[in-house]
Amino acid sequence: MSLKTILFAMIPLFLFACTSGEKESEESQSLDQIARKYVTLGLKIGQYDSDFVDAFYGPDSLKPAAITDSLFLKDKFIQEVEALKKALTDLKSKSKNDTVSGRAGFLISQLTAFERRIRIFSGEEAAFDIESKELFDAVAPVYTETHFKELISRLDSILPGKGTLPERYQSLASHFLIPKEKIDTIFRAAIAEARKRTLQHYKLPSNEKFTLEYVTDKPWSGYNWYKGNYNSVIQINVSQPIFIERAIDLACHEGYPGHHVFNAMLEQKLFREKGWTEISLYPLFSPQSLIAEGSANYGISVAFPGDEQKEFCKNVLLPLAGLDSDKTDAYFEALEIRSSLSYARNEVARGLLNKSMNEPDAKRWLTDYCLLTEKGAIDYLRFIKKYRSYVINYNYGQDLVKNYIERQGGTANAPKLRWELFEKLLSNQIKASDLLDKK
């Protein structure tokens, strides 16, 4: 075959490649336009609903004009949501590009959450499972009271002393309560260790940093306020009793490799490097939060696998706090069983939202099955009233993340792979349904 013949034969392939590339470019441009509209819409809603936007670090040009009317435009916002979803659905159905389809699918789920939150803010109720599905792309399993009674019975042989089981648990836990004057010392030591362990596996932006603050009278124990440019404000609520293990829990969850790292990776990998505008807006009530909370909780065992959390508490944090370590083994054994009781919090929220449980029963569940103090139970009821079905993101989200990573071989026996898979999850647009076993 002559060179001329070969070149002639290659012309259709070249033209096809050009046409395909142009189409992908057009699709990306259309998606980018929709993404900008999505961000502006979210910011508009956030002008009325103060809990709607958890973080925004995109361009100022996307910020809407200041509102001049306090009337919440429910129907108008829903119409805008539906228009954007239709445009995305059309784009997704026609595109053969996996990246375009993936971004479109992610935005469709986020916008579904927009609509449900708009309705909630307007006073429109839905069943707990419907709400969680539309907000977080997930429905948590249901457990009966008998299930929690069976789990609680396992603590009887572990907890010494007399009195009810919750009283005995609180008696044991009281030995590990961080003195108020030691809280800052303990948290800075825990965060430093969590950060050191994370940086052994991940290269974060050189200017990443956090500010640590202590606050009071909040319904949560800790919060990460991501400010963009790889900076966070981490707040710890000192109105609640803080036990020694919570220093590591919150250091990992709010900081490393939790929320701070998650947000920094999304900003770096998707917003800065790829220019995906949509990621610069973090709507709190959205599928993004299930991944955020689930990964932040799972990140504790990634950074401190096996008994390493207990050993760090025993050898470092307890001496720093001036606390006795004699009962550490019994306490951490009780904590392990207690963690399996976390789904009782979902049932309390489900019962309250579905109006199948009253507040006295809810408080009893929180003290008897979640083993919260009286103050802790009251604060958690405040949390449920404010955040509603958000509660599933912590336990069910953690289980989804854990199962997803372990199915791919990221077990405790393969720590390097687990860190690698965890990084992939933290730096991509992933929602709950993507984590499910499709078999």
Protein backbone atom coordinates (compact mmCIF):
# COMPACT_ATOMS: atom_id res chain seq x y z
CA MET A 1 0.00 0.00 0.00
CA SER A 2 1.38 3.42 -0.96
CA LEU A 3 1.90 6.27 1.47
CA LYS A 4 -0.77 8.21 -0.40
CA THR A 5 -3.29 5.37 0.06
CA ILE A 6 -2.48 5.12 3.78
CA LEU A 7 -2.92 8.86 4.29
CA PHE A 8 -6.20 8.80 2.37
CA ALA A 9 -7.46 5.93 4.53
CA MET A 10 -6.57 7.83 7.71
CA ILE A 11 -8.62 10.91 6.80
CA PRO A 12 -12.01 9.51 8.02
CA LEU A 13 -10.40 8.44 11.31
CA PHE A 14 -8.91 11.91 11.75
CA LEU A 15 -12.21 13.57 10.96
CA PHE A 16 -14.04 11.25 13.38
CA ALA A 17 -11.52 12.02 16.14
CA CYS A 18 -11.91 15.75 15.54
CA THR A 19 -15.69 15.50 15.53
CA SER A 20 -15.69 13.36 18.69
CA GLY A 21 -13.30 15.75 20.42
CA GLU A 22 -15.39 18.76 19.44
CA LYS A 23 -18.54 17.07 20.77
CA GLU A 24 -16.88 16.26 24.08
CA SER A 25 -15.68 19.84 24.31
CA GLU A 26 -19.18 21.15 23.62
CA GLU A 27 -20.63 18.80 26.24
CA SER A 28 -18.05 19.92 28.81
CA GLN A 29 -18.80 23.57 28.06
CA SER A 30 -22.54 22.94 28.45
CA LEU A 31 -21.89 21.10 31.71
CA ASP A 32 -19.69 23.93 32.98
CA GLN A 33 -22.49 26.42 32.27
CA ILE A 34 -24.97 24.27 34.18
CA ALA A 35 -22.46 23.89 37.02
CA ARG A 36 -22.20 27.66 37.37
CA LYS A 37 -25.99 27.97 37.46
CA TYR A 38 -26.10 25.18 40.07
CA VAL A 39 -23.64 27.02 42.30
CA THR A 40 -25.48 30.35 42.00
CA LEU A 41 -28.80 28.64 42.76
CA GLY A 42 -27.34 27.00 45.86
CA LEU A 43 -26.00 30.33 47.07
CA LYS A 44 -29.39 31.96 46.46
CA ILE A 45 -31.14 29.35 48.57
CA GLY A 46 -28.47 29.78 51.22
CA GLN A 47 -29.41 33.44 51.57
CA TYR A 48 -32.66 32.25 53.17
CA ASP A 49 -31.67 28.88 54.65
CA SER A 50 -28.59 29.54 56.80
CA ASP A 51 -27.78 25.80 57.04
CA PHE A 52 -27.90 25.20 53.29
CA VAL A 53 -24.33 26.12 52.32
CA ASP A 54 -21.60 24.51 54.40
CA ALA A 55 -18.72 25.86 52.30
CA PHE A 56 -18.09 27.92 49.18
CA TYR A 57 -14.70 28.83 47.71
CA GLY A 58 -15.63 29.54 44.10
CA PRO A 59 -15.40 32.80 42.17
CA ASP A 60 -17.15 35.88 43.57
CA SER A 61 -18.80 36.35 40.16
CA LEU A 62 -21.14 33.46 40.98
CA LYS A 63 -22.43 35.05 44.16
CA PRO A 64 -26.01 36.31 43.73
CA ALA A 65 -27.09 39.86 44.49
CA ALA A 66 -28.16 40.51 48.07
CA ILE A 67 -31.80 39.65 48.72
CA THR A 68 -34.21 42.53 49.14
CA ASP A 69 -37.26 40.45 50.06
CA SER A 70 -37.43 38.02 52.98
CA LEU A 71 -40.13 35.93 51.25
CA PHE A 72 -38.74 32.45 50.45
CA LEU A 73 -39.51 31.71 46.79
CA LYS A 74 -40.19 28.00 47.14
CA ASP A 75 -41.93 27.40 43.81
CA LYS A 76 -39.44 29.49 41.86
CA PHE A 77 -36.49 27.64 43.37
CA ILE A 78 -38.07 24.26 42.64
CA GLN A 79 -38.67 25.31 39.03
CA GLU A 80 -35.02 26.27 38.70
CA VAL A 81 -33.96 22.93 40.18
CA GLU A 82 -36.19 21.03 37.75
CA ALA A 83 -34.89 22.99 34.76
CA LEU A 84 -31.27 22.23 35.67
CA LYS A 85 -32.07 18.54 36.27
CA LYS A 86 -33.75 18.30 32.86
CA ALA A 87 -30.77 19.88 31.13
CA LEU A 88 -28.42 17.48 32.93
CA THR A 89 -30.58 14.43 32.18
CA ASP A 90 -30.65 15.33 28.48
CA LEU A 91 -26.90 15.85 28.44
CA LYS A 92 -26.25 12.58 30.29
CA SER A 93 -28.52 10.55 28.00
CA LYS A 94 -26.77 11.79 24.84
CA SER A 95 -23.17 11.75 26.04
CA LYS A 96 -20.83 8.84 25.47
CA ASN A 97 -18.17 10.41 27.66
CA ASP A 98 -17.89 8.78 31.10
CA THR A 99 -16.57 11.95 32.75
CA VAL A 100 -19.45 14.07 31.45
CA SER A 101 -21.99 11.39 32.43
CA GLY A 102 -20.46 11.03 35.89
CA ARG A 103 -20.47 14.75 36.59
CA ALA A 104 -24.03 15.07 35.31
CA GLY A 105 -25.21 12.16 37.48
CA PHE A 106 -23.56 13.66 40.54
CA LEU A 107 -25.21 17.03 39.93
CA ILE A 108 -28.62 15.43 39.38
CA SER A 109 -28.38 13.78 42.82
CA GLN A 110 -27.23 17.03 44.40
CA LEU A 111 -30.17 18.88 42.83
CA THR A 112 -32.61 16.22 44.04
CA ALA A 113 -31.33 17.08 47.51
CA PHE A 114 -31.81 20.78 46.77
CA GLU A 115 -35.50 20.21 46.10
CA ARG A 116 -36.06 18.12 49.23
CA ARG A 117 -34.28 20.69 51.40
CA ILE A 118 -36.33 23.50 49.83
CA ARG A 119 -39.48 21.61 50.80
CA ILE A 120 -38.22 20.95 54.34
CA PHE A 121 -37.31 24.60 54.81
CA SER A 122 -40.84 25.50 53.64
CA GLY A 123 -42.36 23.22 56.30
CA GLU A 124 -43.21 20.31 54.02
CA GLU A 125 -42.67 16.97 55.73
CA ALA A 126 -41.83 13.54 54.31
CA ALA A 127 -41.16 10.13 55.86
CA PHE A 128 -37.66 9.67 57.29
CA ASP A 129 -36.55 7.18 54.61
CA ILE A 130 -37.90 9.29 51.75
CA GLU A 131 -36.13 12.31 53.13
CA SER A 132 -32.79 10.53 53.58
CA LYS A 133 -32.97 8.99 50.09
CA GLU A 134 -33.58 12.34 48.42
CA LEU A 135 -31.11 14.26 50.55
CA PHE A 136 -28.27 11.75 50.86
CA ASP A 137 -28.92 9.11 48.20
CA ALA A 138 -29.27 6.44 50.89
CA VAL A 139 -31.76 4.62 53.09
CA ALA A 140 -30.32 3.22 56.32
CA PRO A 141 -31.39 -0.23 57.58
CA VAL A 142 -34.11 -0.47 60.24
CA TYR A 143 -33.44 -2.14 63.61
CA THR A 144 -35.93 -3.06 66.33
CA GLU A 145 -35.55 -2.32 70.01
CA THR A 146 -34.93 -6.04 70.58
CA HIS A 147 -31.77 -5.77 68.47
CA PHE A 148 -30.35 -3.08 70.74
CA LYS A 149 -31.37 -4.92 73.90
CA GLU A 150 -29.36 -7.92 72.70
CA LEU A 151 -26.31 -5.76 72.04
CA ILE A 152 -26.63 -4.04 75.42
CA SER A 153 -26.71 -7.39 77.21
CA ARG A 154 -23.15 -8.06 76.00
CA LEU A 155 -21.92 -5.20 78.20
CA ASP A 156 -23.16 -6.77 81.43
CA SER A 157 -20.13 -8.98 81.88
CA ILE A 158 -17.72 -6.14 81.09
CA LEU A 159 -19.00 -3.30 83.23
CA PRO A 160 -18.22 -3.56 86.95
CA GLY A 161 -20.15 -2.07 89.85
CA LYS A 162 -23.81 -1.76 90.78
CA GLY A 163 -26.73 0.10 89.29
CA THR A 164 -28.27 0.17 85.85
CA LEU A 165 -26.13 -0.63 82.85
CA PRO A 166 -26.03 3.01 81.63
CA GLU A 167 -25.00 4.07 85.15
CA ARG A 168 -22.20 1.50 85.20
CA TYR A 169 -21.03 2.59 81.77
CA GLN A 170 -20.94 6.24 82.81
CA SER A 171 -19.06 5.26 85.98
CA LEU A 172 -16.36 3.55 83.90
CA ALA A 173 -16.28 6.41 81.35
CA SER A 174 -15.86 9.00 84.11
CA HIS A 175 -12.28 7.77 84.62
CA PHE A 176 -11.50 8.97 81.09
CA LEU A 177 -13.11 12.41 81.17
CA ILE A 178 -10.59 15.02 80.02
CA PRO A 179 -10.16 17.81 82.60
CA LYS A 180 -11.20 21.14 81.08
CA GLU A 181 -7.78 22.68 81.65
CA LYS A 182 -6.21 19.84 79.63
CA ILE A 183 -8.55 19.90 76.62
CA ASP A 184 -6.37 22.10 74.41
CA THR A 185 -3.21 20.12 75.20
CA ILE A 186 -4.91 16.82 74.45
CA PHE A 187 -6.54 17.95 71.20
CA ARG A 188 -3.37 19.50 69.83
CA ALA A 189 -1.47 16.30 70.56
CA ALA A 190 -4.17 14.15 68.94
CA ILE A 191 -4.43 16.34 65.83
CA ALA A 192 -0.64 16.47 65.46
CA GLU A 193 -0.47 12.66 65.54
CA ALA A 194 -3.38 12.25 63.10
CA ARG A 195 -1.78 14.78 60.74
CA LYS A 196 1.63 13.07 60.94
CA ARG A 197 0.11 9.70 60.10
CA THR A 198 -1.87 11.14 57.18
CA LEU A 199 1.12 12.96 55.70
CA GLN A 200 3.04 9.70 55.66
CA HIS A 201 0.65 8.60 52.90
CA TYR A 202 -0.70 11.78 51.25
CA LYS A 203 1.03 14.81 49.80
CA LEU A 204 -1.25 17.72 50.71
CA PRO A 205 -0.92 21.29 49.39
CA SER A 206 1.98 23.10 51.09
CA ASN A 207 -0.32 25.85 52.40
CA GLU A 208 -2.91 23.57 53.98
CA LYS A 209 -3.64 24.48 57.58
CA PHE A 210 -6.35 24.68 60.21
CA THR A 211 -7.31 26.94 63.10
CA LEU A 212 -8.52 25.27 66.30
CA GLU A 213 -11.30 26.95 68.27
CA TYR A 214 -13.33 26.03 71.35
CA VAL A 215 -17.03 26.89 71.44
CA THR A 216 -20.01 26.29 73.71
CA ASP A 217 -23.74 25.55 73.50
CA LYS A 218 -23.75 23.63 70.20
CA PRO A 219 -25.79 20.52 69.32
CA TRP A 220 -22.64 18.84 67.92
CA SER A 221 -19.31 17.84 69.51
CA GLY A 222 -17.08 19.08 66.68
CA TYR A 223 -17.36 20.89 63.36
CA ASN A 224 -15.09 21.64 60.41
CA TRP A 225 -15.75 24.93 58.65
CA TYR A 226 -13.86 24.70 55.37
CA LYS A 227 -12.78 28.14 54.17
CA GLY A 228 -11.15 27.28 50.85
CA ASN A 229 -7.54 27.65 49.75
CA TYR A 230 -6.88 24.50 51.84
CA ASN A 231 -7.76 26.17 55.15
CA SER A 232 -10.21 25.00 57.81
CA VAL A 233 -11.54 26.19 61.13
CA ILE A 234 -12.04 23.23 63.46
CA GLN A 235 -14.37 23.89 66.38
CA ILE A 236 -14.69 21.72 69.47
CA ASN A 237 -17.77 22.06 71.66
CA VAL A 238 -16.56 22.16 75.27
CA SER A 239 -20.09 22.35 76.71
CA GLN A 240 -20.31 18.59 76.35
CA PRO A 241 -18.20 16.17 78.42
CA ILE A 242 -15.20 15.09 76.31
CA PHE A 243 -13.76 11.65 76.93
CA ILE A 244 -10.21 10.67 75.99
CA GLU A 245 -11.03 8.63 72.87
CA ARG A 246 -13.04 11.54 71.44
CA ALA A 247 -9.83 13.54 71.06
CA ILE A 248 -8.59 11.05 68.46
CA ASP A 249 -12.07 10.60 66.97
CA LEU A 250 -12.48 14.33 66.40
CA ALA A 251 -8.85 14.89 65.38
CA CYS A 252 -9.33 12.36 62.57
CA HIS A 253 -12.96 13.14 61.77
CA GLU A 254 -12.71 16.93 61.57
CA GLY A 255 -9.07 17.05 60.51
CA TYR A 256 -6.80 14.26 59.26
CA PRO A 257 -7.71 12.24 57.21
CA GLY A 258 -11.32 13.45 57.61
CA HIS A 259 -13.15 16.63 56.60
CA HIS A 260 -10.12 18.89 56.25
CA VAL A 261 -8.31 16.45 53.96
CA PHE A 262 -11.49 15.55 52.04
CA ASN A 263 -12.29 19.18 51.26
CA ALA A 264 -8.68 20.04 50.46
CA MET A 265 -8.39 17.13 48.02
CA LEU A 266 -11.64 18.01 46.28
CA GLU A 267 -10.54 21.61 45.95
CA GLN A 268 -7.11 20.66 44.63
CA LYS A 269 -8.01 17.74 42.33
CA LEU A 270 -11.38 18.80 40.97
CA PHE A 271 -11.73 22.56 41.35
CA ARG A 272 -8.15 23.83 40.89
CA GLU A 273 -6.78 21.19 38.50
CA LYS A 274 -9.90 20.29 36.48
CA GLY A 275 -11.89 23.49 36.83
CA TRP A 276 -15.10 21.78 37.96
CA THR A 277 -16.97 24.76 39.40
CA GLU A 278 -19.69 22.68 41.06
CA ILE A 279 -17.31 21.28 43.65
CA SER A 280 -16.63 24.78 45.04
CA LEU A 281 -20.10 24.68 46.61
CA TYR A 282 -20.67 22.22 49.44
CA PRO A 283 -24.41 22.00 50.22
CA LEU A 284 -24.70 20.45 53.68
CA PHE A 285 -27.91 18.53 52.99
CA SER A 286 -26.73 16.60 49.95
CA PRO A 287 -25.23 13.23 48.93
CA GLN A 288 -21.80 14.81 49.34
CA SER A 289 -22.36 14.79 53.12
CA LEU A 290 -22.82 11.05 53.36
CA ILE A 291 -19.41 10.57 51.77
CA ALA A 292 -17.95 13.35 53.93
CA GLU A 293 -19.24 11.99 57.25
CA GLY A 294 -18.84 8.31 56.36
CA SER A 295 -15.24 8.76 55.22
CA ALA A 296 -14.41 10.97 58.21
CA ASN A 297 -15.59 8.26 60.61
CA TYR A 298 -13.91 5.47 58.66
CA GLY A 299 -10.73 7.56 58.55
CA ILE A 300 -10.28 7.04 62.29
CA SER A 301 -9.54 3.34 61.80
CA VAL A 302 -7.46 4.08 58.69
CA ALA A 303 -5.16 6.39 60.68
CA PHE A 304 -5.29 4.34 63.92
CA PRO A 305 -5.87 0.71 62.88
CA GLY A 306 -6.44 -2.14 65.31
CA ASP A 307 -5.48 -1.27 68.89
CA GLU A 308 -3.44 1.80 67.92
CA GLN A 309 -6.05 4.28 69.13
CA LYS A 310 -6.18 2.57 72.51
CA GLU A 311 -2.38 2.40 72.74
CA PHE A 312 -1.96 6.07 71.81
CA CYS A 313 -4.51 7.02 74.45
CA LYS A 314 -2.83 4.82 77.06
CA ASN A 315 0.76 5.83 76.32
CA VAL A 316 0.40 9.48 75.29
CA LEU A 317 -2.94 11.14 75.89
CA LEU A 318 -3.85 9.76 79.32
CA PRO A 319 -0.48 10.78 80.85
CA LEU A 320 -0.84 14.24 79.25
CA ALA A 321 -4.31 14.54 80.78
CA GLY A 322 -3.10 13.33 84.17
CA LEU A 323 -5.50 10.38 84.07
CA ASP A 324 -5.03 6.81 85.28
CA SER A 325 -4.74 4.19 82.53
CA ASP A 326 -5.55 1.11 84.67
CA LYS A 327 -9.03 0.56 83.23
CA THR A 328 -8.18 1.40 79.62
CA ASP A 329 -8.60 -2.14 78.25
CA ALA A 330 -12.05 -2.57 79.81
CA TYR A 331 -13.09 0.88 78.63
CA PHE A 332 -12.08 0.32 75.00
CA GLU A 333 -13.78 -3.08 75.01
CA ALA A 334 -16.97 -1.35 76.13
CA LEU A 335 -16.47 1.34 73.47
CA GLU A 336 -16.28 -1.30 70.76
CA ILE A 337 -19.65 -2.73 71.76
CA ARG A 338 -21.07 0.77 72.17
CA SER A 339 -20.11 1.63 68.58
CA SER A 340 -22.41 -1.13 67.32
CA LEU A 341 -25.26 0.64 69.13
CA SER A 342 -24.91 3.79 67.01
CA TYR A 343 -27.79 2.78 64.75
CA ALA A 344 -30.11 3.40 67.71
CA ARG A 345 -29.59 7.10 66.98
CA ASN A 346 -31.09 6.56 63.53
CA GLU A 347 -34.13 4.86 65.04
CA VAL A 348 -34.64 7.80 67.40
CA ALA A 349 -34.48 10.25 64.49
CA ARG A 350 -36.70 8.01 62.36
CA GLY A 351 -39.24 7.73 65.18
CA LEU A 352 -39.32 11.47 65.86
CA LEU A 353 -39.60 12.47 62.19
CA ASN A 354 -42.23 9.81 61.49
CA LYS A 355 -44.05 10.80 64.70
CA SER A 356 -43.96 7.19 65.92
CA MET A 357 -41.82 8.08 68.96
CA ASN A 358 -42.30 10.83 71.55
CA GLU A 359 -39.50 12.84 73.17
CA PRO A 360 -39.47 10.97 76.52
CA ASP A 361 -39.05 7.66 74.67
CA ALA A 362 -36.42 9.21 72.43
CA LYS A 363 -34.46 10.39 75.46
CA ARG A 364 -34.75 6.92 77.03
CA TRP A 365 -33.35 5.31 73.88
CA LEU A 366 -30.44 7.73 73.84
CA THR A 367 -29.49 7.03 77.45
CA ASP A 368 -30.32 3.30 77.56
CA TYR A 369 -29.05 2.19 74.14
CA CYS A 370 -26.66 4.94 73.02
CA LEU A 371 -25.32 5.24 76.59
CA LEU A 372 -25.32 9.03 76.44
CA THR A 373 -25.26 11.15 79.56
CA GLU A 374 -28.37 13.16 80.42
CA LYS A 375 -26.69 16.23 78.91
CA GLY A 376 -25.58 14.23 75.87
CA ALA A 377 -29.11 12.97 75.25
CA ILE A 378 -30.57 16.48 75.44
CA ASP A 379 -27.91 17.78 73.04
CA TYR A 380 -28.52 14.94 70.62
CA LEU A 381 -32.24 15.66 70.57
CA ARG A 382 -31.29 19.21 69.61
CA PHE A 383 -29.09 17.76 66.86
CA ILE A 384 -31.95 15.66 65.46
CA LYS A 385 -34.36 18.59 65.47
CA LYS A 386 -31.87 20.67 63.50
CA TYR A 387 -30.28 18.09 61.18
CA ARG A 388 -33.05 15.47 60.93
CA SER A 389 -32.16 12.44 58.75
CA TYR A 390 -28.54 13.67 58.52
CA VAL A 391 -27.83 11.20 61.35
CA ILE A 392 -27.54 8.26 58.91
CA ASN A 393 -24.41 9.76 57.36
CA TYR A 394 -22.25 8.90 60.37
CA ASN A 395 -22.96 5.19 60.87
CA TYR A 396 -24.49 3.99 57.60
CA GLY A 397 -22.11 6.26 55.69
CA GLN A 398 -19.17 4.76 57.55
CA ASP A 399 -20.34 1.22 56.83
CA LEU A 400 -20.83 1.97 53.12
CA VAL A 401 -17.32 3.46 52.86
CA LYS A 402 -15.78 0.60 54.84
CA ASN A 403 -17.46 -2.12 52.77
CA TYR A 404 -16.64 -0.35 49.51
CA ILE A 405 -12.93 -0.12 50.30
CA GLU A 406 -12.64 -3.58 51.79
CA ARG A 407 -14.36 -5.18 48.77
CA GLN A 408 -11.44 -3.85 46.74
CA GLY A 409 -8.87 -5.35 49.09
CA GLY A 410 -8.29 -2.34 51.34
CA THR A 411 -8.38 -4.26 54.59
CA ALA A 412 -6.37 -3.79 57.77
CA ASN A 413 -3.97 -6.45 56.40
CA ALA A 414 -3.24 -4.24 53.37
CA PRO A 415 -2.77 -0.78 54.92
CA LYS A 416 -0.96 0.74 51.91
CA LEU A 417 -3.77 -0.25 49.54
CA ARG A 418 -6.37 0.94 52.04
CA TRP A 419 -4.78 4.40 52.18
CA GLU A 420 -4.63 4.48 48.36
CA LEU A 421 -8.29 3.50 47.93
CA PHE A 422 -9.29 5.96 50.61
CA GLU A 423 -7.47 8.76 48.79
CA LYS A 424 -9.27 7.88 45.55
CA LEU A 425 -12.60 8.09 47.34
CA LEU A 426 -11.70 11.43 48.96
CA SER A 427 -10.71 13.07 45.68
CA ASN A 428 -13.61 12.15 43.37
CA GLN A 429 -17.31 12.90 42.95
CA ILE A 430 -18.84 9.83 44.59
CA LYS A 431 -22.28 9.31 46.09
CA ALA A 432 -23.78 6.60 48.28
CA SER A 433 -25.29 4.54 45.45
CA ASP A 434 -21.82 4.33 43.86
CA LEU A 435 -20.59 2.52 46.97
CA LEU A 436 -23.15 -0.26 46.93
CA ASP A 437 -22.19 -3.77 45.87
CA LYS A 438 -23.86 -4.13 42.45
CA LYS A 439 -23.72 -7.96 42.46
